[in-house]
Amino acid sequence: MTMAMAEQVKASHILIKHQGSRRKASWKDPDGFIISATTRDAAVNQLLSLREIIVSGEARFQDVAARYSDCSSAKRGGDLGRFGRRQMQKPFEEATFALEVGQISGIIDTDSGVHIILRTG
């Protein structure tokens, strides 16, 4: 494995945008009406509920991401592919690199919104 490979992770995520998000539009809310009316607390609560469904085994991460994530990666089940350091917002990067493969993060705040991250590689 090359040094560059060692400094990369592979991850999927679910993003819920809220009124504090940098861009208040998404593939499922192109005009941003729902996002603009969503508080951070409401976004966190929705994400915690989704995380519980995944962790309990009721639903697969990728299926939940495809339905609920505000990121365009939803069409790939939340898959972001491989990325290295300094390619993502710092809190997102730090959380992903700290996870073990197969582990799901808690709530991660970025300028984009709130996320849960599944490290896949």
PDB file of N, CA and C in Angstrom:
ATOM      1  N   MET A   1       0.847  -1.184   0.000  1.00  0.00           N
ATOM      2  CA  MET A   1       0.000   0.000   0.000  1.00  0.00           C
ATOM      3  C   MET A   1       0.889   1.242   0.000  1.00  0.00           C
ATOM      4  N   THR A   2       0.592   2.166  -0.894  1.00  0.00           N
ATOM      5  CA  THR A   2       1.391   3.386  -0.970  1.00  0.00           C
ATOM      6  C   THR A   2       1.054   4.320   0.185  1.00  0.00           C
ATOM      7  N   MET A   3       1.918   5.273   0.427  1.00  0.00           N
ATOM      8  CA  MET A   3       1.682   6.258   1.482  1.00  0.00           C
ATOM      9  C   MET A   3       0.391   7.036   1.198  1.00  0.00           C
ATOM     10  N   ALA A   4       0.173   7.373  -0.070  1.00  0.00           N
ATOM     11  CA  ALA A   4      -1.030   8.123  -0.446  1.00  0.00           C
ATOM     12  C   ALA A   4      -2.289   7.328  -0.110  1.00  0.00           C
ATOM     13  N   MET A   5      -2.275   6.024  -0.345  1.00  0.00           N
ATOM     14  CA  MET A   5      -3.424   5.176  -0.040  1.00  0.00           C
ATOM     15  C   MET A   5      -3.675   5.134   1.466  1.00  0.00           C
ATOM     16  N   ALA A   6      -2.603   5.093   2.233  1.00  0.00           N
ATOM     17  CA  ALA A   6      -2.735   5.016   3.684  1.00  0.00           C
ATOM     18  C   ALA A   6      -3.399   6.277   4.234  1.00  0.00           C
ATOM     19  N   GLU A   7      -3.224   7.377   3.523  1.00  0.00           N
ATOM     20  CA  GLU A   7      -3.799   8.642   3.977  1.00  0.00           C
ATOM     21  C   GLU A   7      -5.185   8.897   3.390  1.00  0.00           C
ATOM     22  N   GLN A   8      -5.812   7.842   2.897  1.00  0.00           N
ATOM     23  CA  GLN A   8      -7.161   7.991   2.350  1.00  0.00           C
ATOM     24  C   GLN A   8      -8.142   7.121   3.115  1.00  0.00           C
ATOM     25  N   VAL A   9      -9.365   7.585   3.141  1.00  0.00           N
ATOM     26  CA  VAL A   9     -10.456   6.812   3.717  1.00  0.00           C
ATOM     27  C   VAL A   9     -11.560   6.732   2.669  1.00  0.00           C
ATOM     28  N   LYS A  10     -12.479   5.815   2.882  1.00  0.00           N
ATOM     29  CA  LYS A  10     -13.656   5.711   2.021  1.00  0.00           C
ATOM     30  C   LYS A  10     -14.847   5.796   2.964  1.00  0.00           C
ATOM     31  N   ALA A  11     -15.831   6.595   2.601  1.00  0.00           N
ATOM     32  CA  ALA A  11     -16.954   6.790   3.510  1.00  0.00           C
ATOM     33  C   ALA A  11     -18.239   7.108   2.763  1.00  0.00           C
ATOM     34  N   SER A  12     -19.329   6.872   3.474  1.00  0.00           N
ATOM     35  CA  SER A  12     -20.653   7.294   3.041  1.00  0.00           C
ATOM     36  C   SER A  12     -21.194   8.195   4.136  1.00  0.00           C
ATOM     37  N   HIS A  13     -22.152   9.034   3.778  1.00  0.00           N
ATOM     38  CA  HIS A  13     -22.730   9.884   4.813  1.00  0.00           C
ATOM     39  C   HIS A  13     -24.190  10.180   4.512  1.00  0.00           C
ATOM     40  N   ILE A  14     -24.861  10.671   5.536  1.00  0.00           N
ATOM     41  CA  ILE A  14     -26.209  11.210   5.401  1.00  0.00           C
ATOM     42  C   ILE A  14     -26.121  12.642   5.899  1.00  0.00           C
ATOM     43  N   LEU A  15     -26.527  13.572   5.062  1.00  0.00           N
ATOM     44  CA  LEU A  15     -26.514  14.999   5.390  1.00  0.00           C
ATOM     45  C   LEU A  15     -27.945  15.482   5.546  1.00  0.00           C
ATOM     46  N   ILE A  16     -28.217  16.162   6.642  1.00  0.00           N
ATOM     47  CA  ILE A  16     -29.483  16.865   6.802  1.00  0.00           C
ATOM     48  C   ILE A  16     -29.144  18.353   6.907  1.00  0.00           C
ATOM     49  N   LYS A  17     -29.633  19.107   5.950  1.00  0.00           N
ATOM     50  CA  LYS A  17     -29.391  20.551   5.958  1.00  0.00           C
ATOM     51  C   LYS A  17     -30.415  21.231   6.872  1.00  0.00           C
ATOM     52  N   HIS A  18     -30.071  22.441   7.305  1.00  0.00           N
ATOM     53  CA  HIS A  18     -30.968  23.208   8.172  1.00  0.00           C
ATOM     54  C   HIS A  18     -30.790  24.693   7.886  1.00  0.00           C
ATOM     55  N   GLN A  19     -31.520  25.523   8.606  1.00  0.00           N
ATOM     56  CA  GLN A  19     -31.517  26.962   8.302  1.00  0.00           C
ATOM     57  C   GLN A  19     -30.147  27.611   8.478  1.00  0.00           C
ATOM     58  N   GLY A  20     -29.228  26.955   9.190  1.00  0.00           N
ATOM     59  CA  GLY A  20     -27.884  27.479   9.341  1.00  0.00           C
ATOM     60  C   GLY A  20     -26.909  26.973   8.281  1.00  0.00           C
ATOM     61  N   SER A  21     -27.382  26.137   7.381  1.00  0.00           N
ATOM     62  CA  SER A  21     -26.515  25.556   6.349  1.00  0.00           C
ATOM     63  C   SER A  21     -26.075  26.607   5.341  1.00  0.00           C
ATOM     64  N   ARG A  22     -24.885  26.396   4.825  1.00  0.00           N
ATOM     65  CA  ARG A  22     -24.276  27.307   3.854  1.00  0.00           C
ATOM     66  C   ARG A  22     -25.155  27.463   2.608  1.00  0.00           C
ATOM     67  N   ARG A  23     -25.641  26.352   2.055  1.00  0.00           N
ATOM     68  CA  ARG A  23     -26.544  26.397   0.897  1.00  0.00           C
ATOM     69  C   ARG A  23     -27.857  25.748   1.297  1.00  0.00           C
ATOM     70  N   LYS A  24     -28.935  26.504   1.140  1.00  0.00           N
ATOM     71  CA  LYS A  24     -30.242  26.028   1.600  1.00  0.00           C
ATOM     72  C   LYS A  24     -31.058  25.427   0.461  1.00  0.00           C
ATOM     73  N   ALA A  25     -30.436  24.560  -0.300  1.00  0.00           N
ATOM     74  CA  ALA A  25     -31.151  23.844  -1.353  1.00  0.00           C
ATOM     75  C   ALA A  25     -30.515  22.472  -1.488  1.00  0.00           C
ATOM     76  N   SER A  26     -31.308  21.525  -1.950  1.00  0.00           N
ATOM     77  CA  SER A  26     -30.775  20.183  -2.185  1.00  0.00           C
ATOM     78  C   SER A  26     -31.567  19.554  -3.321  1.00  0.00           C
ATOM     79  N   TRP A  27     -31.141  18.376  -3.723  1.00  0.00           N
ATOM     80  CA  TRP A  27     -31.798  17.669  -4.814  1.00  0.00           C
ATOM     81  C   TRP A  27     -33.271  17.422  -4.504  1.00  0.00           C
ATOM     82  N   LYS A  28     -33.621  17.265  -3.210  1.00  0.00           N
ATOM     83  CA  LYS A  28     -35.013  16.985  -2.885  1.00  0.00           C
ATOM     84  C   LYS A  28     -35.774  18.220  -2.427  1.00  0.00           C
ATOM     85  N   ASP A  29     -35.073  19.322  -2.259  1.00  0.00           N
ATOM     86  CA  ASP A  29     -35.692  20.594  -1.854  1.00  0.00           C
ATOM     87  C   ASP A  29     -35.011  21.719  -2.646  1.00  0.00           C
ATOM     88  N   PRO A  30     -35.206  21.735  -3.983  1.00  0.00           N
ATOM     89  CA  PRO A  30     -34.447  22.648  -4.835  1.00  0.00           C
ATOM     90  C   PRO A  30     -34.643  24.127  -4.509  1.00  0.00           C
ATOM     91  N   ASP A  31     -35.816  24.479  -3.972  1.00  0.00           N
ATOM     92  CA  ASP A  31     -36.067  25.881  -3.616  1.00  0.00           C
ATOM     93  C   ASP A  31     -35.676  26.194  -2.180  1.00  0.00           C
ATOM     94  N   GLY A  32     -35.312  25.165  -1.412  1.00  0.00           N
ATOM     95  CA  GLY A  32     -34.846  25.369  -0.047  1.00  0.00           C
ATOM     96  C   GLY A  32     -35.928  25.733   0.956  1.00  0.00           C
ATOM     97  N   PHE A  33     -37.193  25.509   0.612  1.00  0.00           N
ATOM     98  CA  PHE A  33     -38.279  25.886   1.532  1.00  0.00           C
ATOM     99  C   PHE A  33     -38.247  25.068   2.815  1.00  0.00           C
ATOM    100  N   ILE A  34     -38.073  23.763   2.681  1.00  0.00           N
ATOM    101  CA  ILE A  34     -38.060  22.884   3.862  1.00  0.00           C
ATOM    102  C   ILE A  34     -36.800  23.152   4.676  1.00  0.00           C
ATOM    103  N   ILE A  35     -35.662  23.236   4.002  1.00  0.00           N
ATOM    104  CA  ILE A  35     -34.381  23.458   4.688  1.00  0.00           C
ATOM    105  C   ILE A  35     -34.403  24.779   5.456  1.00  0.00           C
ATOM    106  N   SER A  36     -34.931  25.826   4.833  1.00  0.00           N
ATOM    107  CA  SER A  36     -34.966  27.141   5.489  1.00  0.00           C
ATOM    108  C   SER A  36     -35.850  27.147   6.730  1.00  0.00           C
ATOM    109  N   ALA A  37     -36.793  26.218   6.786  1.00  0.00           N
ATOM    110  CA  ALA A  37     -37.703  26.146   7.937  1.00  0.00           C
ATOM    111  C   ALA A  37     -37.243  25.121   8.980  1.00  0.00           C
ATOM    112  N   THR A  38     -36.151  24.427   8.713  1.00  0.00           N
ATOM    113  CA  THR A  38     -35.658  23.373   9.603  1.00  0.00           C
ATOM    114  C   THR A  38     -34.610  23.932  10.557  1.00  0.00           C
ATOM    115  N   THR A  39     -34.848  23.796  11.853  1.00  0.00           N
ATOM    116  CA  THR A  39     -33.844  24.233  12.829  1.00  0.00           C
ATOM    117  C   THR A  39     -32.743  23.187  12.916  1.00  0.00           C
ATOM    118  N   ARG A  40     -31.601  23.590  13.458  1.00  0.00           N
ATOM    119  CA  ARG A  40     -30.514  22.630  13.654  1.00  0.00           C
ATOM    120  C   ARG A  40     -30.983  21.500  14.569  1.00  0.00           C
ATOM    121  N   ASP A  41     -31.706  21.840  15.638  1.00  0.00           N
ATOM    122  CA  ASP A  41     -32.191  20.810  16.571  1.00  0.00           C
ATOM    123  C   ASP A  41     -33.087  19.802  15.874  1.00  0.00           C
ATOM    124  N   ALA A  42     -33.963  20.278  15.000  1.00  0.00           N
ATOM    125  CA  ALA A  42     -34.850  19.375  14.262  1.00  0.00           C
ATOM    126  C   ALA A  42     -34.030  18.473  13.335  1.00  0.00           C
ATOM    127  N   ALA A  43     -33.019  19.041  12.695  1.00  0.00           N
ATOM    128  CA  ALA A  43     -32.155  18.255  11.804  1.00  0.00           C
ATOM    129  C   ALA A  43     -31.408  17.183  12.596  1.00  0.00           C
ATOM    130  N   VAL A  44     -30.885  17.567  13.768  1.00  0.00           N
ATOM    131  CA  VAL A  44     -30.169  16.614  14.632  1.00  0.00           C
ATOM    132  C   VAL A  44     -31.107  15.501  15.075  1.00  0.00           C
ATOM    133  N   ASN A  45     -32.323  15.862  15.488  1.00  0.00           N
ATOM    134  CA  ASN A  45     -33.277  14.848  15.949  1.00  0.00           C
ATOM    135  C   ASN A  45     -33.642  13.877  14.834  1.00  0.00           C
ATOM    136  N   GLN A  46     -33.824  14.400  13.616  1.00  0.00           N
ATOM    137  CA  GLN A  46     -34.125  13.515  12.488  1.00  0.00           C
ATOM    138  C   GLN A  46     -32.958  12.569  12.237  1.00  0.00           C
ATOM    139  N   LEU A  47     -31.754  13.105  12.272  1.00  0.00           N
ATOM    140  CA  LEU A  47     -30.562  12.294  12.015  1.00  0.00           C
ATOM    141  C   LEU A  47     -30.367  11.233  13.096  1.00  0.00           C
ATOM    142  N   LEU A  48     -30.619  11.584  14.343  1.00  0.00           N
ATOM    143  CA  LEU A  48     -30.507  10.601  15.429  1.00  0.00           C
ATOM    144  C   LEU A  48     -31.517   9.470  15.240  1.00  0.00           C
ATOM    145  N   SER A  49     -32.728   9.801  14.792  1.00  0.00           N
ATOM    146  CA  SER A  49     -33.740   8.768  14.522  1.00  0.00           C
ATOM    147  C   SER A  49     -33.299   7.867  13.382  1.00  0.00           C
ATOM    148  N   LEU A  50     -32.763   8.472  12.324  1.00  0.00           N
ATOM    149  CA  LEU A  50     -32.283   7.680  11.185  1.00  0.00           C
ATOM    150  C   LEU A  50     -31.130   6.786  11.609  1.00  0.00           C
ATOM    151  N   ARG A  51     -30.220   7.318  12.427  1.00  0.00           N
ATOM    152  CA  ARG A  51     -29.073   6.534  12.901  1.00  0.00           C
ATOM    153  C   ARG A  51     -29.557   5.321  13.694  1.00  0.00           C
ATOM    154  N   GLU A  52     -30.570   5.518  14.523  1.00  0.00           N
ATOM    155  CA  GLU A  52     -31.115   4.430  15.339  1.00  0.00           C
ATOM    156  C   GLU A  52     -31.696   3.319  14.469  1.00  0.00           C
ATOM    157  N   ILE A  53     -32.393   3.702  13.406  1.00  0.00           N
ATOM    158  CA  ILE A  53     -32.972   2.722  12.471  1.00  0.00           C
ATOM    159  C   ILE A  53     -31.863   1.881  11.830  1.00  0.00           C
ATOM    160  N   ILE A  54     -30.753   2.538  11.502  1.00  0.00           N
ATOM    161  CA  ILE A  54     -29.626   1.840  10.869  1.00  0.00           C
ATOM    162  C   ILE A  54     -28.921   0.927  11.875  1.00  0.00           C
ATOM    163  N   VAL A  55     -28.588   1.478  13.039  1.00  0.00           N
ATOM    164  CA  VAL A  55     -27.837   0.720  14.047  1.00  0.00           C
ATOM    165  C   VAL A  55     -28.647  -0.482  14.539  1.00  0.00           C
ATOM    166  N   SER A  56     -29.970  -0.329  14.624  1.00  0.00           N
ATOM    167  CA  SER A  56     -30.824  -1.416  15.100  1.00  0.00           C
ATOM    168  C   SER A  56     -30.997  -2.504  14.052  1.00  0.00           C
ATOM    169  N   GLY A  57     -30.592  -2.219  12.809  1.00  0.00           N
ATOM    170  CA  GLY A  57     -30.714  -3.214  11.746  1.00  0.00           C
ATOM    171  C   GLY A  57     -32.032  -3.146  10.992  1.00  0.00           C
ATOM    172  N   GLU A  58     -32.888  -2.171  11.318  1.00  0.00           N
ATOM    173  CA  GLU A  58     -34.175  -2.043  10.619  1.00  0.00           C
ATOM    174  C   GLU A  58     -33.996  -1.640   9.164  1.00  0.00           C
ATOM    175  N   ALA A  59     -32.941  -0.875   8.877  1.00  0.00           N
ATOM    176  CA  ALA A  59     -32.707  -0.417   7.504  1.00  0.00           C
ATOM    177  C   ALA A  59     -31.213  -0.329   7.250  1.00  0.00           C
ATOM    178  N   ARG A  60     -30.842  -0.438   5.971  1.00  0.00           N
ATOM    179  CA  ARG A  60     -29.434  -0.334   5.597  1.00  0.00           C
ATOM    180  C   ARG A  60     -29.053   1.135   5.426  1.00  0.00           C
ATOM    181  N   PHE A  61     -27.815   1.454   5.781  1.00  0.00           N
ATOM    182  CA  PHE A  61     -27.317   2.829   5.686  1.00  0.00           C
ATOM    183  C   PHE A  61     -27.603   3.413   4.309  1.00  0.00           C
ATOM    184  N   GLN A  62     -27.237   2.645   3.253  1.00  0.00           N
ATOM    185  CA  GLN A  62     -27.363   3.186   1.899  1.00  0.00           C
ATOM    186  C   GLN A  62     -28.810   3.457   1.501  1.00  0.00           C
ATOM    187  N   ASP A  63     -29.744   2.653   2.011  1.00  0.00           N
ATOM    188  CA  ASP A  63     -31.158   2.873   1.695  1.00  0.00           C
ATOM    189  C   ASP A  63     -31.678   4.133   2.388  1.00  0.00           C
ATOM    190  N   VAL A  64     -31.259   4.335   3.631  1.00  0.00           N
ATOM    191  CA  VAL A  64     -31.664   5.532   4.377  1.00  0.00           C
ATOM    192  C   VAL A  64     -31.054   6.779   3.728  1.00  0.00           C
ATOM    193  N   ALA A  65     -29.778   6.677   3.353  1.00  0.00           N
ATOM    194  CA  ALA A  65     -29.112   7.804   2.688  1.00  0.00           C
ATOM    195  C   ALA A  65     -29.826   8.164   1.379  1.00  0.00           C
ATOM    196  N   ALA A  66     -30.177   7.154   0.604  1.00  0.00           N
ATOM    197  CA  ALA A  66     -30.821   7.387  -0.693  1.00  0.00           C
ATOM    198  C   ALA A  66     -32.144   8.128  -0.535  1.00  0.00           C
ATOM    199  N   ARG A  67     -32.825   7.875   0.562  1.00  0.00           N
ATOM    200  CA  ARG A  67     -34.138   8.482   0.766  1.00  0.00           C
ATOM    201  C   ARG A  67     -34.085   9.838   1.470  1.00  0.00           C
ATOM    202  N   TYR A  68     -33.174   9.986   2.440  1.00  0.00           N
ATOM    203  CA  TYR A  68     -33.235  11.153   3.318  1.00  0.00           C
ATOM    204  C   TYR A  68     -32.098  12.157   3.178  1.00  0.00           C
ATOM    205  N   SER A  69     -30.945  11.754   2.656  1.00  0.00           N
ATOM    206  CA  SER A  69     -29.802  12.663   2.630  1.00  0.00           C
ATOM    207  C   SER A  69     -30.037  13.844   1.696  1.00  0.00           C
ATOM    208  N   ASP A  70     -29.626  15.037   2.139  1.00  0.00           N
ATOM    209  CA  ASP A  70     -29.721  16.236   1.308  1.00  0.00           C
ATOM    210  C   ASP A  70     -28.537  16.365   0.352  1.00  0.00           C
ATOM    211  N   CYS A  71     -27.558  15.483   0.459  1.00  0.00           N
ATOM    212  CA  CYS A  71     -26.391  15.526  -0.422  1.00  0.00           C
ATOM    213  C   CYS A  71     -26.716  14.807  -1.729  1.00  0.00           C
ATOM    214  N   SER A  72     -26.129  15.281  -2.816  1.00  0.00           N
ATOM    215  CA  SER A  72     -26.340  14.612  -4.107  1.00  0.00           C
ATOM    216  C   SER A  72     -25.776  13.192  -4.108  1.00  0.00           C
ATOM    217  N   SER A  73     -24.919  12.869  -3.122  1.00  0.00           N
ATOM    218  CA  SER A  73     -24.411  11.491  -3.005  1.00  0.00           C
ATOM    219  C   SER A  73     -25.527  10.516  -2.632  1.00  0.00           C
ATOM    220  N   ALA A  74     -26.705  11.020  -2.302  1.00  0.00           N
ATOM    221  CA  ALA A  74     -27.843  10.156  -1.958  1.00  0.00           C
ATOM    222  C   ALA A  74     -28.111   9.147  -3.067  1.00  0.00           C
ATOM    223  N   LYS A  75     -27.945   9.571  -4.321  1.00  0.00           N
ATOM    224  CA  LYS A  75     -28.223   8.643  -5.431  1.00  0.00           C
ATOM    225  C   LYS A  75     -27.219   7.499  -5.492  1.00  0.00           C
ATOM    226  N   ARG A  76     -26.118   7.614  -4.740  1.00  0.00           N
ATOM    227  CA  ARG A  76     -25.143   6.523  -4.623  1.00  0.00           C
ATOM    228  C   ARG A  76     -25.218   5.904  -3.222  1.00  0.00           C
ATOM    229  N   GLY A  77     -26.343   6.067  -2.546  1.00  0.00           N
ATOM    230  CA  GLY A  77     -26.489   5.529  -1.192  1.00  0.00           C
ATOM    231  C   GLY A  77     -25.611   6.251  -0.185  1.00  0.00           C
ATOM    232  N   GLY A  78     -25.262   7.494  -0.506  1.00  0.00           N
ATOM    233  CA  GLY A  78     -24.433   8.291   0.406  1.00  0.00           C
ATOM    234  C   GLY A  78     -22.939   8.129   0.186  1.00  0.00           C
ATOM    235  N   ASP A  79     -22.560   7.296  -0.776  1.00  0.00           N
ATOM    236  CA  ASP A  79     -21.141   6.989  -0.999  1.00  0.00           C
ATOM    237  C   ASP A  79     -20.380   8.198  -1.525  1.00  0.00           C
ATOM    238  N   LEU A  80     -19.334   8.580  -0.809  1.00  0.00           N
ATOM    239  CA  LEU A  80     -18.471   9.695  -1.212  1.00  0.00           C
ATOM    240  C   LEU A  80     -17.190   9.215  -1.876  1.00  0.00           C
ATOM    241  N   GLY A  81     -16.991   7.897  -1.907  1.00  0.00           N
ATOM    242  CA  GLY A  81     -15.761   7.358  -2.480  1.00  0.00           C
ATOM    243  C   GLY A  81     -14.581   7.596  -1.552  1.00  0.00           C
ATOM    244  N   ARG A  82     -13.383   7.555  -2.133  1.00  0.00           N
ATOM    245  CA  ARG A  82     -12.155   7.757  -1.351  1.00  0.00           C
ATOM    246  C   ARG A  82     -11.793   9.229  -1.300  1.00  0.00           C
ATOM    247  N   PHE A  83     -11.255   9.650  -0.175  1.00  0.00           N
ATOM    248  CA  PHE A  83     -10.725  11.001  -0.077  1.00  0.00           C
ATOM    249  C   PHE A  83      -9.609  11.042   0.945  1.00  0.00           C
ATOM    250  N   GLY A  84      -8.760  12.021   0.773  1.00  0.00           N
ATOM    251  CA  GLY A  84      -7.622  12.182   1.668  1.00  0.00           C
ATOM    252  C   GLY A  84      -7.797  13.381   2.578  1.00  0.00           C
ATOM    253  N   ARG A  85      -6.741  13.714   3.261  1.00  0.00           N
ATOM    254  CA  ARG A  85      -6.752  14.876   4.153  1.00  0.00           C
ATOM    255  C   ARG A  85      -6.932  16.173   3.345  1.00  0.00           C
ATOM    256  N   ARG A  86      -7.566  17.129   3.961  1.00  0.00           N
ATOM    257  CA  ARG A  86      -7.793  18.468   3.399  1.00  0.00           C
ATOM    258  C   ARG A  86      -8.684  18.470   2.160  1.00  0.00           C
ATOM    259  N   GLN A  87      -9.464  17.421   1.955  1.00  0.00           N
ATOM    260  CA  GLN A  87     -10.395  17.396   0.815  1.00  0.00           C
ATOM    261  C   GLN A  87     -11.829  17.664   1.249  1.00  0.00           C
ATOM    262  N   MET A  88     -12.088  17.510   2.533  1.00  0.00           N
ATOM    263  CA  MET A  88     -13.424  17.728   3.089  1.00  0.00           C
ATOM    264  C   MET A  88     -13.325  18.807   4.162  1.00  0.00           C
ATOM    265  N   GLN A  89     -14.483  19.298   4.605  1.00  0.00           N
ATOM    266  CA  GLN A  89     -14.472  20.251   5.709  1.00  0.00           C
ATOM    267  C   GLN A  89     -13.839  19.573   6.929  1.00  0.00           C
ATOM    268  N   LYS A  90     -13.075  20.350   7.690  1.00  0.00           N
ATOM    269  CA  LYS A  90     -12.249  19.789   8.750  1.00  0.00           C
ATOM    270  C   LYS A  90     -12.998  18.895   9.739  1.00  0.00           C
ATOM    271  N   PRO A  91     -14.145  19.300  10.277  1.00  0.00           N
ATOM    272  CA  PRO A  91     -14.829  18.413  11.232  1.00  0.00           C
ATOM    273  C   PRO A  91     -15.216  17.074  10.603  1.00  0.00           C
ATOM    274  N   PHE A  92     -15.599  17.117   9.320  1.00  0.00           N
ATOM    275  CA  PHE A  92     -15.983  15.899   8.602  1.00  0.00           C
ATOM    276  C   PHE A  92     -14.767  15.000   8.420  1.00  0.00           C
ATOM    277  N   GLU A  93     -13.662  15.588   7.987  1.00  0.00           N
ATOM    278  CA  GLU A  93     -12.420  14.837   7.784  1.00  0.00           C
ATOM    279  C   GLU A  93     -11.962  14.193   9.093  1.00  0.00           C
ATOM    280  N   GLU A  94     -11.902  14.982  10.152  1.00  0.00           N
ATOM    281  CA  GLU A  94     -11.408  14.465  11.431  1.00  0.00           C
ATOM    282  C   GLU A  94     -12.271  13.311  11.932  1.00  0.00           C
ATOM    283  N   ALA A  95     -13.579  13.465  11.807  1.00  0.00           N
ATOM    284  CA  ALA A  95     -14.486  12.405  12.269  1.00  0.00           C
ATOM    285  C   ALA A  95     -14.298  11.131  11.454  1.00  0.00           C
ATOM    286  N   THR A  96     -14.177  11.274  10.137  1.00  0.00           N
ATOM    287  CA  THR A  96     -14.053  10.097   9.275  1.00  0.00           C
ATOM    288  C   THR A  96     -12.752   9.346   9.546  1.00  0.00           C
ATOM    289  N   PHE A  97     -11.646  10.072   9.655  1.00  0.00           N
ATOM    290  CA  PHE A  97     -10.362   9.431   9.911  1.00  0.00           C
ATOM    291  C   PHE A  97     -10.319   8.775  11.297  1.00  0.00           C
ATOM    292  N   ALA A  98     -11.137   9.251  12.226  1.00  0.00           N
ATOM    293  CA  ALA A  98     -11.150   8.692  13.582  1.00  0.00           C
ATOM    294  C   ALA A  98     -11.983   7.413  13.683  1.00  0.00           C
ATOM    295  N   LEU A  99     -12.859   7.179  12.707  1.00  0.00           N
ATOM    296  CA  LEU A  99     -13.714   5.996  12.733  1.00  0.00           C
ATOM    297  C   LEU A  99     -12.950   4.743  12.304  1.00  0.00           C
ATOM    298  N   GLU A 100     -13.376   3.605  12.825  1.00  0.00           N
ATOM    299  CA  GLU A 100     -12.917   2.318  12.312  1.00  0.00           C
ATOM    300  C   GLU A 100     -13.794   1.966  11.114  1.00  0.00           C
ATOM    301  N   VAL A 101     -13.299   1.136  10.205  1.00  0.00           N
ATOM    302  CA  VAL A 101     -14.103   0.677   9.079  1.00  0.00           C
ATOM    303  C   VAL A 101     -15.345  -0.034   9.623  1.00  0.00           C
ATOM    304  N   GLY A 102     -16.510   0.353   9.107  1.00  0.00           N
ATOM    305  CA  GLY A 102     -17.769  -0.241   9.544  1.00  0.00           C
ATOM    306  C   GLY A 102     -18.447   0.521  10.672  1.00  0.00           C
ATOM    307  N   GLN A 103     -17.764   1.502  11.228  1.00  0.00           N
ATOM    308  CA  GLN A 103     -18.302   2.266  12.347  1.00  0.00           C
ATOM    309  C   GLN A 103     -19.075   3.487  11.836  1.00  0.00           C
ATOM    310  N   ILE A 104     -20.142   3.841  12.551  1.00  0.00           N
ATOM    311  CA  ILE A 104     -20.958   5.012  12.216  1.00  0.00           C
ATOM    312  C   ILE A 104     -20.715   6.087  13.267  1.00  0.00           C
ATOM    313  N   SER A 105     -20.500   7.301  12.799  1.00  0.00           N
ATOM    314  CA  SER A 105     -20.236   8.425  13.707  1.00  0.00           C
ATOM    315  C   SER A 105     -21.497   8.863  14.446  1.00  0.00           C
ATOM    316  N   GLY A 106     -21.273   9.717  15.418  1.00  0.00           N
ATOM    317  CA  GLY A 106     -22.372  10.477  16.003  1.00  0.00           C
ATOM    318  C   GLY A 106     -22.652  11.652  15.088  1.00  0.00           C
ATOM    319  N   ILE A 107     -23.306  12.674  15.614  1.00  0.00           N
ATOM    320  CA  ILE A 107     -23.641  13.868  14.836  1.00  0.00           C
ATOM    321  C   ILE A 107     -22.381  14.705  14.586  1.00  0.00           C
ATOM    322  N   ILE A 108     -22.140  15.037  13.337  1.00  0.00           N
ATOM    323  CA  ILE A 108     -21.004  15.873  12.952  1.00  0.00           C
ATOM    324  C   ILE A 108     -21.558  17.151  12.317  1.00  0.00           C
ATOM    325  N   ASP A 109     -21.156  18.291  12.857  1.00  0.00           N
ATOM    326  CA  ASP A 109     -21.587  19.588  12.330  1.00  0.00           C
ATOM    327  C   ASP A 109     -20.573  20.130  11.340  1.00  0.00           C
ATOM    328  N   THR A 110     -21.039  20.585  10.169  1.00  0.00           N
ATOM    329  CA  THR A 110     -20.188  21.317   9.230  1.00  0.00           C
ATOM    330  C   THR A 110     -20.995  22.509   8.712  1.00  0.00           C
ATOM    331  N   ASP A 111     -20.371  23.313   7.877  1.00  0.00           N
ATOM    332  CA  ASP A 111     -21.083  24.435   7.263  1.00  0.00           C
ATOM    333  C   ASP A 111     -22.207  23.954   6.349  1.00  0.00           C
ATOM    334  N   SER A 112     -22.152  22.696   5.930  1.00  0.00           N
ATOM    335  CA  SER A 112     -23.182  22.149   5.043  1.00  0.00           C
ATOM    336  C   SER A 112     -24.438  21.727   5.796  1.00  0.00           C
ATOM    337  N   GLY A 113     -24.279  21.357   7.059  1.00  0.00           N
ATOM    338  CA  GLY A 113     -25.403  20.870   7.852  1.00  0.00           C
ATOM    339  C   GLY A 113     -24.904  19.872   8.875  1.00  0.00           C
ATOM    340  N   VAL A 114     -25.777  18.928   9.249  1.00  0.00           N
ATOM    341  CA  VAL A 114     -25.366  17.883  10.192  1.00  0.00           C
ATOM    342  C   VAL A 114     -25.309  16.549   9.443  1.00  0.00           C
ATOM    343  N   HIS A 115     -24.341  15.730   9.846  1.00  0.00           N
ATOM    344  CA  HIS A 115     -24.078  14.468   9.143  1.00  0.00           C
ATOM    345  C   HIS A 115     -23.966  13.316  10.138  1.00  0.00           C
ATOM    346  N   ILE A 116     -24.204  12.112   9.637  1.00  0.00           N
ATOM    347  CA  ILE A 116     -23.629  10.907  10.240  1.00  0.00           C
ATOM    348  C   ILE A 116     -22.809  10.266   9.132  1.00  0.00           C
ATOM    349  N   ILE A 117     -21.696   9.681   9.540  1.00  0.00           N
ATOM    350  CA  ILE A 117     -20.736   9.150   8.581  1.00  0.00           C
ATOM    351  C   ILE A 117     -20.524   7.664   8.860  1.00  0.00           C
ATOM    352  N   LEU A 118     -20.500   6.883   7.802  1.00  0.00           N
ATOM    353  CA  LEU A 118     -20.162   5.466   7.870  1.00  0.00           C
ATOM    354  C   LEU A 118     -18.840   5.295   7.149  1.00  0.00           C
ATOM    355  N   ARG A 119     -17.817   4.880   7.888  1.00  0.00           N
ATOM    356  CA  ARG A 119     -16.538   4.629   7.225  1.00  0.00           C
ATOM    357  C   ARG A 119     -16.592   3.257   6.574  1.00  0.00           C
ATOM    358  N   THR A 120     -16.324   3.222   5.280  1.00  0.00           N
ATOM    359  CA  THR A 120     -16.438   1.977   4.523  1.00  0.00           C
ATOM    360  C   THR A 120     -15.087   1.445   4.040  1.00  0.00           C
ATOM    361  N   GLY A 121     -14.027   2.212   4.243  1.00  0.00           N
ATOM    362  CA  GLY A 121     -12.729   1.728   3.812  1.00  0.00           C
ATOM    363  C   GLY A 121     -11.617   2.640   4.268  1.00  0.00           C
TER     364      GLY A 121
END
